[in-house]
Amino acid sequence: MDRGKYGSKIHLITERSGLPISVGISGANPHDSQALIPLVCGIPPIRSHRGPRRRRPAELHADKGYDYHHLRRWLALRGITHRIARKGIESSQRLGRHRWAVERTVARLAGCRRLQRRYERKADHFLAFTSIACTLICYRRLTK
């Protein structure tokens, strides 16, 4: 019995208000937890008014799909405070107050017809269209 799934997943890290910071794609069959480290490493330096540029977030909220000891340890070694719901112990309800920003951004990406169905054979092309859609989300949000 083959457990493989067809399709693609879009992985996303957003800031508190929902602006996409880091985006990645993968096949539908790998587990979500495998995408966390490349996404966090892909966060660009953030310019601030004073002091050096920030290269990592202060805290990270994630759902139960990322509840692994090696991920918690990796985040703690980098000084990132994590809030990951624990499997079988905590409810995902408490993360809802932070997760809505990510869900809203994913819904905006779903509004892009090109991303609803993957027409591109190459992953680089699909990632490019996803990045363009994220850029449009940022542009529309910042020009309001």
N, C-alpha and C. Protein backbone atom coordinates (compact mmCIF):
# COMPACT_ATOMS: atom_id res chain seq x y z
N MET A 1 0.85 -1.17 0.00
CA MET A 1 0.00 0.00 0.00
C MET A 1 0.89 1.24 0.00
N ASP A 2 0.70 2.11 -0.96
CA ASP A 2 1.51 3.31 -1.11
C ASP A 2 0.85 4.46 -0.36
N ARG A 3 1.60 5.10 0.53
CA ARG A 3 1.06 6.20 1.30
C ARG A 3 1.44 7.54 0.71
N GLY A 4 2.07 7.55 -0.46
CA GLY A 4 2.48 8.80 -1.08
C GLY A 4 1.30 9.63 -1.53
N LYS A 5 1.46 10.92 -1.44
CA LYS A 5 0.40 11.85 -1.86
C LYS A 5 0.91 12.65 -3.04
N TYR A 6 0.01 13.02 -3.90
CA TYR A 6 0.35 13.86 -5.03
C TYR A 6 0.15 15.33 -4.66
N GLY A 7 0.86 16.19 -5.34
CA GLY A 7 0.66 17.61 -5.15
C GLY A 7 1.81 18.29 -4.45
N SER A 8 1.57 19.53 -4.08
CA SER A 8 2.59 20.36 -3.45
C SER A 8 2.02 21.03 -2.21
N LYS A 9 2.90 21.36 -1.29
CA LYS A 9 2.54 22.14 -0.11
C LYS A 9 3.32 23.44 -0.14
N ILE A 10 2.68 24.49 0.31
CA ILE A 10 3.35 25.77 0.47
C ILE A 10 3.57 25.97 1.97
N HIS A 11 4.82 26.12 2.37
CA HIS A 11 5.18 26.36 3.76
C HIS A 11 5.47 27.84 3.92
N LEU A 12 5.05 28.41 5.04
CA LEU A 12 5.07 29.86 5.18
C LEU A 12 5.41 30.27 6.60
N ILE A 13 6.26 31.28 6.73
CA ILE A 13 6.48 31.95 8.00
C ILE A 13 6.07 33.40 7.80
N THR A 14 5.22 33.88 8.69
CA THR A 14 4.75 35.26 8.59
C THR A 14 5.12 36.00 9.87
N GLU A 15 5.06 37.33 9.77
CA GLU A 15 5.20 38.14 10.96
C GLU A 15 3.85 38.20 11.67
N ARG A 16 3.79 38.94 12.75
CA ARG A 16 2.59 38.96 13.57
C ARG A 16 1.35 39.47 12.83
N SER A 17 1.53 40.42 11.92
CA SER A 17 0.38 40.97 11.21
C SER A 17 0.02 40.19 9.96
N GLY A 18 0.81 39.20 9.58
CA GLY A 18 0.45 38.35 8.45
C GLY A 18 1.28 38.58 7.20
N LEU A 19 2.29 39.43 7.24
CA LEU A 19 3.15 39.61 6.07
C LEU A 19 4.09 38.42 5.94
N PRO A 20 4.15 37.81 4.75
CA PRO A 20 5.04 36.65 4.59
C PRO A 20 6.50 37.06 4.69
N ILE A 21 7.27 36.30 5.46
CA ILE A 21 8.69 36.55 5.63
C ILE A 21 9.51 35.52 4.89
N SER A 22 9.12 34.26 5.00
CA SER A 22 9.85 33.18 4.36
C SER A 22 8.85 32.21 3.77
N VAL A 23 9.12 31.75 2.57
CA VAL A 23 8.20 30.84 1.89
C VAL A 23 9.00 29.69 1.28
N GLY A 24 8.41 28.53 1.27
CA GLY A 24 9.04 27.35 0.67
C GLY A 24 7.97 26.41 0.16
N ILE A 25 8.37 25.51 -0.71
CA ILE A 25 7.44 24.52 -1.23
C ILE A 25 8.06 23.14 -1.06
N SER A 26 7.19 22.15 -1.02
CA SER A 26 7.66 20.77 -0.96
C SER A 26 6.57 19.89 -1.56
N GLY A 27 6.89 18.64 -1.71
CA GLY A 27 5.87 17.69 -2.14
C GLY A 27 4.87 17.49 -1.02
N ALA A 28 3.74 16.90 -1.36
CA ALA A 28 2.70 16.71 -0.35
C ALA A 28 3.01 15.54 0.57
N ASN A 29 3.93 14.65 0.19
CA ASN A 29 4.17 13.47 1.01
C ASN A 29 5.16 13.65 2.16
N PRO A 30 6.16 14.56 2.14
CA PRO A 30 7.02 14.70 3.32
C PRO A 30 6.28 15.36 4.48
N HIS A 31 6.74 15.08 5.68
CA HIS A 31 6.11 15.64 6.87
C HIS A 31 6.44 17.13 6.98
N ASP A 32 5.52 17.89 7.59
CA ASP A 32 5.69 19.34 7.72
C ASP A 32 6.92 19.72 8.53
N SER A 33 7.29 18.89 9.48
CA SER A 33 8.40 19.23 10.37
C SER A 33 9.73 19.33 9.62
N GLN A 34 9.84 18.70 8.47
CA GLN A 34 11.08 18.76 7.71
C GLN A 34 11.30 20.11 7.06
N ALA A 35 10.27 20.94 7.00
CA ALA A 35 10.39 22.24 6.34
C ALA A 35 10.72 23.37 7.30
N LEU A 36 10.69 23.14 8.60
CA LEU A 36 10.86 24.23 9.55
C LEU A 36 12.27 24.81 9.54
N ILE A 37 13.28 23.98 9.55
CA ILE A 37 14.66 24.47 9.61
C ILE A 37 15.03 25.28 8.36
N PRO A 38 14.73 24.79 7.13
CA PRO A 38 15.04 25.64 5.97
C PRO A 38 14.26 26.96 5.94
N LEU A 39 13.03 26.95 6.46
CA LEU A 39 12.25 28.19 6.49
C LEU A 39 12.86 29.20 7.44
N VAL A 40 13.25 28.76 8.62
CA VAL A 40 13.83 29.68 9.60
C VAL A 40 15.18 30.19 9.09
N CYS A 41 15.96 29.31 8.46
CA CYS A 41 17.25 29.75 7.90
C CYS A 41 17.06 30.70 6.72
N GLY A 42 15.92 30.64 6.06
CA GLY A 42 15.65 31.48 4.90
C GLY A 42 15.11 32.86 5.23
N ILE A 43 14.96 33.18 6.51
CA ILE A 43 14.47 34.50 6.88
C ILE A 43 15.55 35.53 6.58
N PRO A 44 15.24 36.54 5.77
CA PRO A 44 16.26 37.55 5.44
C PRO A 44 16.52 38.47 6.62
N PRO A 45 17.68 39.16 6.63
CA PRO A 45 17.95 40.12 7.71
C PRO A 45 16.92 41.25 7.70
N ILE A 46 16.46 41.62 8.87
CA ILE A 46 15.44 42.64 9.00
C ILE A 46 16.09 43.93 9.47
N ARG A 47 15.90 44.99 8.73
CA ARG A 47 16.49 46.28 9.07
C ARG A 47 15.72 46.91 10.22
N SER A 48 16.45 47.44 11.17
CA SER A 48 15.84 48.15 12.28
C SER A 48 16.44 49.55 12.37
N HIS A 49 15.79 50.42 13.10
CA HIS A 49 16.26 51.81 13.21
C HIS A 49 17.56 51.92 13.98
N ARG A 50 17.70 51.09 14.99
CA ARG A 50 18.91 51.12 15.80
C ARG A 50 19.47 49.72 15.94
N GLY A 51 20.76 49.65 16.07
CA GLY A 51 21.40 48.37 16.33
C GLY A 51 21.61 47.54 15.07
N PRO A 52 22.15 46.35 15.24
CA PRO A 52 22.41 45.48 14.10
C PRO A 52 21.12 44.89 13.53
N ARG A 53 21.21 44.37 12.33
CA ARG A 53 20.04 43.77 11.70
C ARG A 53 19.69 42.46 12.41
N ARG A 54 18.42 42.24 12.57
CA ARG A 54 17.96 41.01 13.20
C ARG A 54 17.95 39.90 12.16
N ARG A 55 18.49 38.76 12.49
CA ARG A 55 18.56 37.64 11.56
C ARG A 55 17.65 36.49 11.96
N ARG A 56 16.98 36.60 13.09
CA ARG A 56 16.08 35.53 13.51
C ARG A 56 14.91 36.14 14.28
N PRO A 57 13.80 35.44 14.30
CA PRO A 57 12.66 35.96 15.05
C PRO A 57 12.88 35.80 16.55
N ALA A 58 12.18 36.59 17.32
CA ALA A 58 12.28 36.49 18.78
C ALA A 58 11.51 35.27 19.28
N GLU A 59 10.37 35.00 18.66
CA GLU A 59 9.58 33.83 19.07
C GLU A 59 8.89 33.23 17.86
N LEU A 60 8.52 31.97 18.01
CA LEU A 60 7.91 31.23 16.90
C LEU A 60 6.75 30.42 17.46
N HIS A 61 5.59 30.55 16.85
CA HIS A 61 4.41 29.78 17.22
C HIS A 61 4.17 28.76 16.13
N ALA A 62 3.91 27.52 16.52
CA ALA A 62 3.69 26.45 15.54
C ALA A 62 2.65 25.47 16.07
N ASP A 63 2.05 24.71 15.15
CA ASP A 63 1.05 23.74 15.57
C ASP A 63 1.69 22.39 15.90
N LYS A 64 0.86 21.40 16.13
CA LYS A 64 1.34 20.10 16.61
C LYS A 64 2.19 19.35 15.59
N GLY A 65 2.13 19.72 14.34
CA GLY A 65 2.93 19.06 13.32
C GLY A 65 4.43 19.28 13.50
N TYR A 66 4.80 20.28 14.28
CA TYR A 66 6.20 20.61 14.50
C TYR A 66 6.68 20.22 15.90
N ASP A 67 5.91 19.39 16.59
CA ASP A 67 6.23 18.99 17.96
C ASP A 67 7.23 17.83 17.96
N TYR A 68 8.51 18.19 17.82
CA TYR A 68 9.59 17.22 17.88
C TYR A 68 10.71 17.80 18.74
N HIS A 69 11.33 16.92 19.51
CA HIS A 69 12.36 17.37 20.44
C HIS A 69 13.54 18.02 19.71
N HIS A 70 13.95 17.45 18.58
CA HIS A 70 15.10 18.01 17.86
C HIS A 70 14.81 19.40 17.31
N LEU A 71 13.55 19.68 16.95
CA LEU A 71 13.19 21.03 16.48
C LEU A 71 13.16 22.03 17.64
N ARG A 72 12.63 21.59 18.77
CA ARG A 72 12.63 22.46 19.95
C ARG A 72 14.06 22.81 20.38
N ARG A 73 14.92 21.80 20.37
CA ARG A 73 16.33 22.02 20.75
C ARG A 73 17.01 22.94 19.75
N TRP A 74 16.77 22.74 18.45
CA TRP A 74 17.39 23.56 17.41
C TRP A 74 16.97 25.03 17.56
N LEU A 75 15.69 25.26 17.84
CA LEU A 75 15.21 26.63 18.03
C LEU A 75 15.81 27.25 19.30
N ALA A 76 15.90 26.45 20.37
CA ALA A 76 16.45 26.98 21.62
C ALA A 76 17.93 27.32 21.48
N LEU A 77 18.68 26.54 20.71
CA LEU A 77 20.10 26.84 20.51
C LEU A 77 20.31 28.15 19.76
N ARG A 78 19.36 28.54 18.96
CA ARG A 78 19.45 29.78 18.21
C ARG A 78 18.83 30.96 18.95
N GLY A 79 18.34 30.74 20.15
CA GLY A 79 17.77 31.82 20.95
C GLY A 79 16.37 32.20 20.54
N ILE A 80 15.66 31.31 19.90
CA ILE A 80 14.29 31.58 19.47
C ILE A 80 13.35 30.94 20.48
N THR A 81 12.51 31.76 21.09
CA THR A 81 11.51 31.25 22.02
C THR A 81 10.42 30.56 21.21
N HIS A 82 10.14 29.31 21.52
CA HIS A 82 9.15 28.57 20.74
C HIS A 82 7.91 28.33 21.56
N ARG A 83 6.80 28.33 20.89
CA ARG A 83 5.50 27.98 21.47
C ARG A 83 4.87 26.98 20.52
N ILE A 84 5.14 25.70 20.77
CA ILE A 84 4.66 24.63 19.91
C ILE A 84 3.70 23.78 20.73
N ALA A 85 2.49 23.58 20.20
CA ALA A 85 1.52 22.75 20.90
C ALA A 85 2.03 21.32 20.98
N ARG A 86 1.88 20.70 22.16
CA ARG A 86 2.38 19.34 22.36
C ARG A 86 1.30 18.32 22.03
N LYS A 87 1.71 17.27 21.34
CA LYS A 87 0.78 16.21 20.93
C LYS A 87 0.22 15.50 22.16
N GLY A 88 -1.09 15.33 22.16
CA GLY A 88 -1.73 14.58 23.23
C GLY A 88 -1.85 15.29 24.55
N ILE A 89 -1.26 16.48 24.68
CA ILE A 89 -1.29 17.19 25.96
C ILE A 89 -2.08 18.48 25.84
N GLU A 90 -1.74 19.28 24.85
CA GLU A 90 -2.38 20.59 24.72
C GLU A 90 -3.34 20.62 23.54
N SER A 91 -4.29 21.50 23.64
CA SER A 91 -5.22 21.72 22.56
C SER A 91 -4.66 22.77 21.61
N SER A 92 -5.03 22.69 20.37
CA SER A 92 -4.58 23.70 19.40
C SER A 92 -5.38 24.99 19.52
N GLN A 93 -6.36 25.02 20.41
CA GLN A 93 -7.21 26.21 20.56
C GLN A 93 -6.41 27.43 21.00
N ARG A 94 -5.44 27.24 21.87
CA ARG A 94 -4.69 28.39 22.39
C ARG A 94 -3.80 29.02 21.33
N LEU A 95 -3.40 28.24 20.32
CA LEU A 95 -2.58 28.80 19.26
C LEU A 95 -3.42 29.60 18.26
N GLY A 96 -4.74 29.47 18.34
CA GLY A 96 -5.61 30.13 17.39
C GLY A 96 -5.45 31.64 17.36
N ARG A 97 -5.13 32.23 18.51
CA ARG A 97 -4.99 33.68 18.55
C ARG A 97 -3.76 34.16 17.80
N HIS A 98 -2.78 33.29 17.56
CA HIS A 98 -1.60 33.64 16.79
C HIS A 98 -1.66 33.07 15.38
N ARG A 99 -2.36 31.97 15.22
CA ARG A 99 -2.35 31.26 13.95
C ARG A 99 -3.22 31.93 12.89
N TRP A 100 -4.15 32.78 13.27
CA TRP A 100 -5.06 33.39 12.31
C TRP A 100 -4.30 34.22 11.29
N ALA A 101 -3.17 34.80 11.69
CA ALA A 101 -2.39 35.62 10.74
C ALA A 101 -1.83 34.75 9.62
N VAL A 102 -1.35 33.58 9.96
CA VAL A 102 -0.82 32.67 8.94
C VAL A 102 -1.95 32.14 8.07
N GLU A 103 -3.07 31.78 8.68
CA GLU A 103 -4.21 31.26 7.92
C GLU A 103 -4.76 32.32 6.96
N ARG A 104 -4.75 33.56 7.37
CA ARG A 104 -5.22 34.64 6.49
C ARG A 104 -4.29 34.79 5.29
N THR A 105 -2.99 34.69 5.52
CA THR A 105 -2.03 34.80 4.42
C THR A 105 -2.14 33.61 3.48
N VAL A 106 -2.35 32.42 4.02
CA VAL A 106 -2.55 31.24 3.17
C VAL A 106 -3.82 31.39 2.35
N ALA A 107 -4.86 31.97 2.92
CA ALA A 107 -6.09 32.21 2.17
C ALA A 107 -5.87 33.22 1.05
N ARG A 108 -5.04 34.22 1.30
CA ARG A 108 -4.73 35.18 0.24
C ARG A 108 -3.92 34.53 -0.87
N LEU A 109 -3.02 33.62 -0.51
CA LEU A 109 -2.28 32.88 -1.54
C LEU A 109 -3.22 31.97 -2.33
N ALA A 110 -4.21 31.41 -1.66
CA ALA A 110 -5.17 30.54 -2.36
C ALA A 110 -6.02 31.33 -3.34
N GLY A 111 -6.10 32.64 -3.14
CA GLY A 111 -6.84 33.47 -4.08
C GLY A 111 -6.12 33.65 -5.41
N CYS A 112 -4.86 33.31 -5.47
CA CYS A 112 -4.11 33.38 -6.72
C CYS A 112 -4.38 32.10 -7.51
N ARG A 113 -5.02 32.25 -8.65
CA ARG A 113 -5.44 31.09 -9.41
C ARG A 113 -4.26 30.24 -9.85
N ARG A 114 -3.14 30.86 -10.10
CA ARG A 114 -1.96 30.14 -10.57
C ARG A 114 -1.43 29.17 -9.50
N LEU A 115 -1.70 29.48 -8.23
CA LEU A 115 -1.19 28.64 -7.15
C LEU A 115 -2.18 27.58 -6.70
N GLN A 116 -3.45 27.71 -7.09
CA GLN A 116 -4.44 26.72 -6.69
C GLN A 116 -4.15 25.36 -7.31
N ARG A 117 -3.77 25.40 -8.54
CA ARG A 117 -3.41 24.17 -9.25
C ARG A 117 -2.03 24.37 -9.82
N ARG A 118 -1.16 23.45 -9.59
CA ARG A 118 0.23 23.61 -10.04
C ARG A 118 0.34 23.21 -11.51
N TYR A 119 0.60 24.21 -12.34
CA TYR A 119 0.75 23.97 -13.77
C TYR A 119 2.21 23.75 -14.15
N GLU A 120 3.14 24.20 -13.33
CA GLU A 120 4.55 24.15 -13.67
C GLU A 120 5.13 22.79 -13.32
N ARG A 121 5.99 22.31 -14.18
CA ARG A 121 6.67 21.05 -13.89
C ARG A 121 7.84 21.26 -12.94
N LYS A 122 8.54 22.35 -13.10
CA LYS A 122 9.74 22.60 -12.29
C LYS A 122 9.36 23.30 -10.99
N ALA A 123 9.98 22.83 -9.91
CA ALA A 123 9.69 23.41 -8.60
C ALA A 123 10.16 24.86 -8.50
N ASP A 124 11.26 25.19 -9.20
CA ASP A 124 11.76 26.56 -9.16
C ASP A 124 10.75 27.54 -9.74
N HIS A 125 10.06 27.13 -10.78
CA HIS A 125 9.06 28.02 -11.39
C HIS A 125 7.87 28.22 -10.45
N PHE A 126 7.43 27.13 -9.80
CA PHE A 126 6.32 27.25 -8.87
C PHE A 126 6.70 28.11 -7.67
N LEU A 127 7.94 27.95 -7.19
CA LEU A 127 8.42 28.79 -6.09
C LEU A 127 8.49 30.25 -6.50
N ALA A 128 8.86 30.50 -7.75
CA ALA A 128 8.92 31.89 -8.24
C ALA A 128 7.52 32.52 -8.25
N PHE A 129 6.53 31.78 -8.72
CA PHE A 129 5.16 32.33 -8.72
C PHE A 129 4.65 32.52 -7.29
N THR A 130 5.02 31.62 -6.40
CA THR A 130 4.63 31.77 -5.00
C THR A 130 5.29 33.01 -4.39
N SER A 131 6.55 33.24 -4.71
CA SER A 131 7.25 34.43 -4.21
C SER A 131 6.64 35.71 -4.78
N ILE A 132 6.24 35.69 -6.03
CA ILE A 132 5.58 36.86 -6.63
C ILE A 132 4.26 37.14 -5.91
N ALA A 133 3.50 36.08 -5.62
CA ALA A 133 2.24 36.26 -4.91
C ALA A 133 2.48 36.82 -3.50
N CYS A 134 3.53 36.37 -2.83
CA CYS A 134 3.86 36.91 -1.50
C CYS A 134 4.28 38.37 -1.59
N THR A 135 5.01 38.71 -2.64
CA THR A 135 5.40 40.10 -2.86
C THR A 135 4.19 40.98 -3.08
N LEU A 136 3.21 40.50 -3.84
CA LEU A 136 1.98 41.26 -4.06
C LEU A 136 1.19 41.44 -2.75
N ILE A 137 1.18 40.40 -1.92
CA ILE A 137 0.51 40.53 -0.62
C ILE A 137 1.18 41.62 0.21
N CYS A 138 2.50 41.61 0.24
CA CYS A 138 3.23 42.65 0.99
C CYS A 138 2.97 44.03 0.41
N TYR A 139 3.00 44.15 -0.90
CA TYR A 139 2.79 45.44 -1.55
C TYR A 139 1.40 45.99 -1.24
N ARG A 140 0.39 45.15 -1.36
CA ARG A 140 -0.99 45.60 -1.10
C ARG A 140 -1.18 45.98 0.37
N ARG A 141 -0.54 45.24 1.25
CA ARG A 141 -0.67 45.54 2.67
C ARG A 141 0.04 46.84 3.05
N LEU A 142 1.21 47.07 2.47
CA LEU A 142 1.99 48.25 2.84
C LEU A 142 1.53 49.52 2.16
N THR A 143 0.77 49.42 1.08
CA THR A 143 0.28 50.64 0.41
C THR A 143 -1.08 51.09 0.93
N LYS A 144 -1.67 50.37 1.86
CA LYS A 144 -2.97 50.79 2.41
C LYS A 144 -2.80 51.93 3.38
